[in-house]
Protein backbone atom coordinates (compact mmCIF):
# COMPACT_ATOMS: atom_id res chain seq x y z
CA MET A 1 46.50 -5.55 14.39
CA ASN A 2 48.29 -8.82 13.57
CA LYS A 3 49.98 -9.77 10.34
CA LYS A 4 47.08 -11.94 9.13
CA THR A 5 44.41 -9.23 9.90
CA THR A 6 46.68 -6.50 8.05
CA GLY A 7 46.76 -8.94 5.10
CA ILE A 8 42.94 -9.40 4.93
CA VAL A 9 42.24 -5.53 5.09
CA ALA A 10 44.83 -5.11 2.26
CA ILE A 11 43.17 -7.43 0.13
CA LEU A 12 39.98 -5.85 0.65
CA THR A 13 41.28 -2.22 0.15
CA GLY A 14 42.57 -3.21 -3.03
CA MET A 15 39.65 -5.08 -4.22
CA PHE A 16 37.43 -2.10 -3.51
CA PHE A 17 39.39 1.04 -3.94
CA ALA A 18 42.48 0.26 -6.14
CA PRO A 19 42.31 0.87 -9.90
CA PHE A 20 40.65 -1.80 -11.76
CA SER A 21 43.22 -4.57 -12.64
CA TRP A 22 42.63 -7.99 -14.03
CA GLY A 23 45.23 -10.98 -13.35
CA ALA A 24 46.33 -13.06 -16.08
CA ASP A 25 44.31 -16.10 -14.72
CA ASN A 26 40.88 -14.22 -14.67
CA GLN A 27 38.49 -14.87 -17.27
CA LEU A 28 37.35 -11.41 -18.30
CA ALA A 29 34.08 -10.59 -19.89
CA LYS A 30 33.55 -6.93 -20.91
CA TYR A 31 30.09 -5.49 -21.79
CA ALA A 32 29.54 -1.97 -23.11
CA THR A 33 27.24 -0.49 -25.54
CA PRO A 34 28.66 0.73 -28.81
CA MET A 35 28.84 4.34 -28.86
CA ASP A 36 26.62 4.75 -31.76
CA GLY A 37 24.24 2.73 -29.92
CA VAL A 38 23.91 4.55 -26.58
CA ASP A 39 20.55 5.65 -25.68
CA TRP A 40 20.10 7.24 -22.36
CA GLN A 41 16.57 7.70 -21.25
CA PHE A 42 14.93 9.72 -18.60
CA ASN A 43 11.42 9.24 -17.12
CA GLY A 44 9.78 10.47 -13.77
CA ASP A 45 7.15 12.84 -12.15
CA ARG A 46 6.98 14.64 -8.98
CA PHE A 47 7.11 11.27 -7.23
CA GLY A 48 10.39 9.76 -8.47
CA CYS A 49 12.99 10.34 -11.20
CA GLN A 50 15.13 7.74 -13.28
CA LEU A 51 17.81 8.15 -15.65
CA HIS A 52 18.76 4.62 -17.24
CA HIS A 53 21.01 3.17 -19.82
CA ALA A 54 21.08 -0.21 -21.63
CA ILE A 55 24.43 -2.24 -21.43
CA ASP A 56 24.22 -4.63 -24.38
CA GLY A 57 24.43 -8.25 -23.41
CA PHE A 58 24.02 -7.68 -19.89
CA GLY A 59 21.20 -5.44 -18.69
CA THR A 60 20.16 -2.05 -17.56
CA LEU A 61 21.93 0.53 -15.33
CA SER A 62 19.69 3.11 -13.42
CA LEU A 63 20.04 6.23 -11.39
CA VAL A 64 17.22 6.77 -9.37
CA GLN A 65 15.78 9.35 -6.79
CA TYR A 66 12.65 9.55 -4.73
CA PRO A 67 11.39 12.22 -2.61
CA ALA A 68 13.62 13.01 0.57
CA GLU A 69 16.15 10.12 -0.42
CA ALA A 70 19.64 10.27 -1.94
CA ILE A 71 20.34 9.10 -5.58
CA THR A 72 20.96 5.61 -6.00
CA MET A 73 22.54 3.66 -8.79
CA LYS A 74 21.30 0.01 -9.76
CA VAL A 75 21.99 -2.72 -12.25
CA GLU A 76 19.38 -5.05 -13.31
CA SER A 77 20.82 -8.09 -15.50
CA ASN A 78 19.01 -9.93 -17.95
CA TRP A 79 20.70 -13.18 -17.04
CA PHE A 80 23.35 -12.65 -14.21
CA GLN A 81 22.44 -14.61 -11.10
CA GLU A 82 25.59 -15.41 -9.44
CA GLN A 83 26.82 -13.79 -6.04
CA PRO A 84 29.99 -11.88 -6.45
CA VAL A 85 32.71 -11.98 -3.90
CA GLY A 86 33.48 -8.50 -4.73
CA SER A 87 32.13 -5.70 -6.66
CA ARG A 88 32.65 -1.90 -7.03
CA SER A 89 32.28 0.87 -9.32
CA VAL A 90 34.51 3.84 -10.07
CA LEU A 91 34.37 7.17 -12.67
CA SER A 92 36.58 6.48 -15.48
CA ALA A 93 37.95 8.34 -18.41
CA PRO A 94 35.89 7.71 -21.59
CA SER A 95 37.53 5.68 -24.47
CA TRP A 96 38.81 8.73 -26.17
CA LEU A 97 40.55 10.20 -23.40
CA LYS A 98 43.86 9.40 -21.50
CA GLN A 99 43.81 11.16 -18.11
CA ALA A 100 41.78 9.66 -15.14
CA PRO A 101 39.41 11.60 -13.07
CA THR A 102 40.64 13.28 -9.86
CA HIS A 103 38.22 11.71 -7.77
CA PRO A 104 36.91 8.41 -9.00
CA HIS A 105 34.09 7.80 -6.27
CA ALA A 106 35.19 4.21 -5.83
CA ARG A 107 32.11 2.50 -4.29
CA ALA A 108 31.35 -1.05 -3.12
CA TRP A 109 28.05 -2.89 -4.65
CA GLN A 110 25.73 -5.33 -2.96
CA TRP A 111 24.15 -8.08 -5.13
CA ASN A 112 20.78 -9.87 -4.72
CA GLY A 113 20.19 -12.39 -7.61
CA MET A 114 20.13 -10.59 -11.02
CA SER A 115 19.79 -7.03 -9.07
CA GLY A 116 22.89 -5.08 -7.94
CA GLN A 117 22.77 -1.72 -6.00
CA MET A 118 25.63 0.74 -5.35
CA ASP A 119 26.49 1.66 -1.43
CA GLY A 120 25.96 5.23 -0.79
CA SER A 121 24.78 7.97 -2.68
CA ALA A 122 25.34 8.15 -6.42
CA GLU A 123 25.47 12.10 -6.32
CA GLY A 124 29.19 11.92 -7.36
CA TYR A 125 28.45 9.81 -10.45
CA LEU A 126 25.62 12.04 -11.65
CA ASP A 127 28.15 15.13 -11.55
CA GLY A 128 30.94 12.85 -13.19
CA LEU A 129 28.47 12.21 -16.15
CA GLU A 130 27.94 15.90 -16.41
CA GLN A 131 31.52 16.55 -16.50
CA GLY A 132 32.16 13.89 -19.45
CA TRP A 133 33.39 10.93 -17.22
CA GLY A 134 32.11 7.31 -17.86
CA ILE A 135 31.34 4.69 -15.20
CA ASP A 136 33.04 1.20 -14.89
CA ILE A 137 31.58 -1.59 -12.60
CA ALA A 138 33.72 -4.58 -11.60
CA LEU A 139 32.28 -8.08 -10.57
CA GLN A 140 34.52 -10.60 -9.35
CA LEU A 141 33.32 -14.17 -8.81
CA ALA A 142 34.90 -17.07 -6.58
CA SER A 143 35.60 -18.92 -9.94
CA GLN A 144 38.22 -16.15 -10.87
CA ARG A 145 35.89 -15.20 -13.68
CA SER A 146 35.29 -11.55 -13.86
CA TYR A 147 32.88 -8.86 -15.45
CA GLN A 148 33.31 -5.46 -16.40
CA LEU A 149 30.42 -3.26 -17.15
CA VAL A 150 31.47 -0.05 -19.26
CA ILE A 151 29.34 3.01 -19.52
CA GLU A 152 30.25 5.77 -21.93
CA PRO A 153 29.12 9.40 -21.13
CA VAL A 154 27.70 9.70 -24.71
CA ALA A 155 24.18 11.20 -25.67
CA VAL A 156 23.50 11.87 -21.87
CA LYS A 157 23.40 15.63 -21.44
CA SER A 158 19.70 16.13 -22.40
CA PRO A 159 18.26 13.42 -20.39
CA LEU A 160 20.44 14.24 -17.52
CA ARG A 161 19.22 17.60 -17.35
CA ALA A 162 15.72 16.49 -17.48
CA PHE A 163 16.78 14.15 -14.46
CA ARG A 164 18.05 17.33 -12.51
CA GLN A 165 14.93 19.15 -13.41
CA CYS A 166 12.76 16.43 -11.98
CA SER A 167 14.88 15.96 -8.89
CA ALA A 168 14.31 19.69 -7.98
CA ALA A 169 10.53 19.27 -8.48
CA LEU A 170 10.12 15.96 -6.37
CA VAL A 171 7.44 16.48 -3.60
CA PRO A 172 9.21 16.92 -0.19
CA GLN A 173 8.00 13.67 1.43
CA PRO A 174 6.96 10.39 0.12
CA PHE A 175 3.31 9.22 0.58
CA ASP A 176 4.39 6.79 3.38
CA VAL A 177 5.52 9.93 5.49
CA VAL A 178 2.44 12.17 4.68
CA ARG A 179 -0.44 9.65 4.59
CA HIS A 180 -0.78 9.70 8.47
CA VAL A 181 0.78 12.50 10.34
CA THR A 182 0.21 13.26 14.01
CA MET A 183 0.97 16.52 15.49
CA ASN A 184 0.87 17.03 19.45
CA TYR A 185 0.11 20.07 21.51
CA ALA A 186 1.18 21.47 24.66
CA THR A 187 -1.59 21.87 27.53
CA GLY A 188 -4.14 24.67 26.24
CA GLN A 189 -2.19 25.20 22.90
CA ILE A 190 -4.30 25.59 19.81
CA LEU A 191 -1.93 26.45 16.95
CA PRO A 192 0.77 23.94 15.80
CA ARG A 193 4.43 24.79 16.78
CA ASP A 194 6.59 26.20 14.32
CA ALA A 195 8.83 23.25 13.91
CA GLN A 196 5.64 21.37 12.69
CA LEU A 197 4.88 23.70 9.83
CA PRO A 198 7.05 22.18 7.30
CA MET A 199 5.09 18.91 7.49
CA LEU A 200 2.08 20.77 6.68
CA ASP A 201 4.01 22.29 3.54
CA ALA A 202 4.86 18.66 2.53
CA ILE A 203 1.32 17.57 2.85
CA ALA A 204 -0.14 20.18 0.92
CA GLU A 205 2.23 19.77 -1.81
CA TYR A 206 1.52 16.14 -1.94
CA VAL A 207 -2.17 16.84 -2.12
CA ALA A 208 -1.48 19.22 -4.99
CA ALA A 209 0.39 16.87 -6.95
CA ASP A 210 -1.13 13.55 -6.68
CA PRO A 211 -4.72 13.59 -8.24
CA ARG A 212 -5.61 10.16 -6.49
CA ILE A 213 -5.97 12.06 -2.95
CA SER A 214 -9.58 12.29 -2.76
CA GLU A 215 -9.98 13.39 0.88
CA VAL A 216 -8.00 14.75 3.95
CA LEU A 217 -9.21 13.89 7.19
CA VAL A 218 -8.45 16.35 10.10
CA ASP A 219 -9.27 14.92 13.55
CA GLY A 220 -8.72 16.86 16.72
CA HIS A 221 -8.14 15.30 20.13
CA SER A 222 -7.43 16.43 23.85
CA ASP A 223 -6.32 14.72 27.04
CA SER A 224 -8.75 13.99 29.96
CA THR A 225 -7.74 16.82 31.91
CA GLY A 226 -10.55 19.17 32.89
CA ASN A 227 -14.20 19.43 31.81
CA HIS A 228 -15.28 16.98 28.93
CA LEU A 229 -17.30 19.58 26.94
CA ALA A 230 -14.31 22.12 26.97
CA ASN A 231 -11.90 19.47 25.92
CA LEU A 232 -14.43 18.74 22.88
CA VAL A 233 -14.34 22.61 22.19
CA LEU A 234 -10.58 22.59 22.35
CA SER A 235 -10.12 19.77 20.04
CA ARG A 236 -12.34 21.27 17.48
CA GLN A 237 -10.40 24.53 17.85
CA ARG A 238 -7.17 22.74 17.02
CA ALA A 239 -8.48 20.91 14.10
CA ASP A 240 -10.08 24.24 12.62
CA GLU A 241 -6.81 25.91 12.95
CA LEU A 242 -4.67 23.38 11.56
CA THR A 243 -7.27 23.22 8.52
CA GLY A 244 -6.81 26.86 7.94
CA LEU A 245 -3.24 26.52 7.63
CA LEU A 246 -3.74 23.65 5.07
CA ILE A 247 -6.19 25.93 3.21
CA GLU A 248 -3.40 28.61 3.19
CA ARG A 249 -1.22 26.33 1.44
CA GLY A 250 -3.66 25.41 -1.19
CA VAL A 251 -5.65 22.65 -0.09
CA ALA A 252 -9.29 22.86 -1.01
CA LEU A 253 -11.76 23.01 1.86
CA SER A 254 -14.11 20.73 -0.10
CA GLN A 255 -11.33 18.05 0.19
CA ILE A 256 -11.20 18.27 4.04
CA GLU A 257 -13.31 16.69 6.52
CA ILE A 258 -12.93 18.09 10.14
CA ARG A 259 -13.91 16.16 13.12
CA ALA A 260 -13.62 16.73 16.96
CA HIS A 261 -13.31 13.91 19.49
CA GLY A 262 -12.38 15.63 22.65
CA GLN A 263 -10.87 12.96 25.00
CA ARG A 264 -12.77 10.07 23.68
CA PHE A 265 -10.05 8.19 21.73
CA PRO A 266 -6.87 8.41 23.71
CA LEU A 267 -3.90 6.78 22.18
CA VAL A 268 -2.45 5.90 25.63
CA THR A 269 -3.75 5.66 29.22
CA GLU A 270 -2.92 8.82 30.93
CA ARG A 271 -0.46 8.13 33.93
CA SER A 272 1.92 11.00 33.36
CA ALA A 273 2.58 14.47 31.81
CA ALA A 274 4.16 12.58 28.58
CA ASP A 275 1.01 10.46 28.24
CA ARG A 276 -1.39 13.47 28.10
CA GLU A 277 0.90 14.94 25.74
CA LYS A 278 0.53 12.14 23.27
CA ASN A 279 -3.16 12.40 23.47
CA ARG A 280 -3.24 16.05 22.88
CA ARG A 281 -2.96 15.80 19.16
CA VAL A 282 -4.28 16.37 15.75
CA GLU A 283 -4.14 13.50 13.22
CA ILE A 284 -4.11 14.38 9.30
CA ARG A 285 -5.09 11.42 7.06
CA LEU A 286 -4.68 11.39 3.23
CA VAL A 287 -7.46 9.40 1.56
CA MET A 288 -7.10 7.85 -1.96
CA SER A 289 -9.74 7.54 -4.52
CA GLU A 290 -7.82 4.39 -5.72
CA PRO A 291 -5.54 1.83 -4.21
CA ASP A 292 -2.06 2.97 -3.78
CA SER A 293 0.29 1.64 -6.48
CA GLU A 294 3.68 1.58 -5.97
CA ARG A 295 5.11 4.54 -7.92
CA SER A 296 8.49 3.08 -7.76
CA GLU A 297 7.46 0.34 -9.85
CA GLU A 298 5.91 2.59 -12.38
CA ILE A 299 9.01 4.49 -12.64
CA VAL A 300 11.48 1.41 -13.03
CA SER A 301 9.09 -0.32 -15.71
CA ASP A 302 8.89 2.38 -17.93
């Protein structure tokens, strides 16, 4: 590595991972909610959880989690639209303490217009808030202007506890994953493989949690090998067995429509054993009684 490259790396390392420091030439604007005005809020359900905090004069900081995803941290500004040349966050000591946290969890941020999102999981920041640490977010502009957002760990314990409880109760998979699931079968196989059963658990949990699910379609298929009528029977057996497993997991029989198609609707033209396996399948589709609204928007807008 040459001297020029080494110097660039040193600059970037200092920008994103050194403690906050502001040069004398920087124009620093600091935004923090007075401690007597801090009002952390929680809202969520089995499809998403959010913990948010208003930053006086700037916008809102949110910690958000959705099924099967890591916790993310975001900032939505009421006015800020400039693209920072550098932005990062750290855990920090609140104003009434002198020592710094042992693990500050320094992270870079990406900004798009008035929205910023921290790179990577925010689990460490949630842990930090539980332990009494605050959050500092720095934004450096090309014009040498700088912004510092200070979030104090005040009045956060109760809404944070609610967030943790919400997180533990999230459905295993989001609707985009369970809305249309295909399970493939070996030749002559009737029952799904053990490795496929967790997906049935996820489907059943989603159906139980979301009252908008009006119908569960279970469609059995076979490959084209052998007798047409035998394939039709086999596809029905597969669909019936899978339906039984869904019922065991709490899905009501009245919600399920079972259909057997045999070899009539192949996914691919069968030129190989791999092609035939793609056609040996049971498809499960969830039907909503109303258009699917984006629950992420519902959570964020509350």
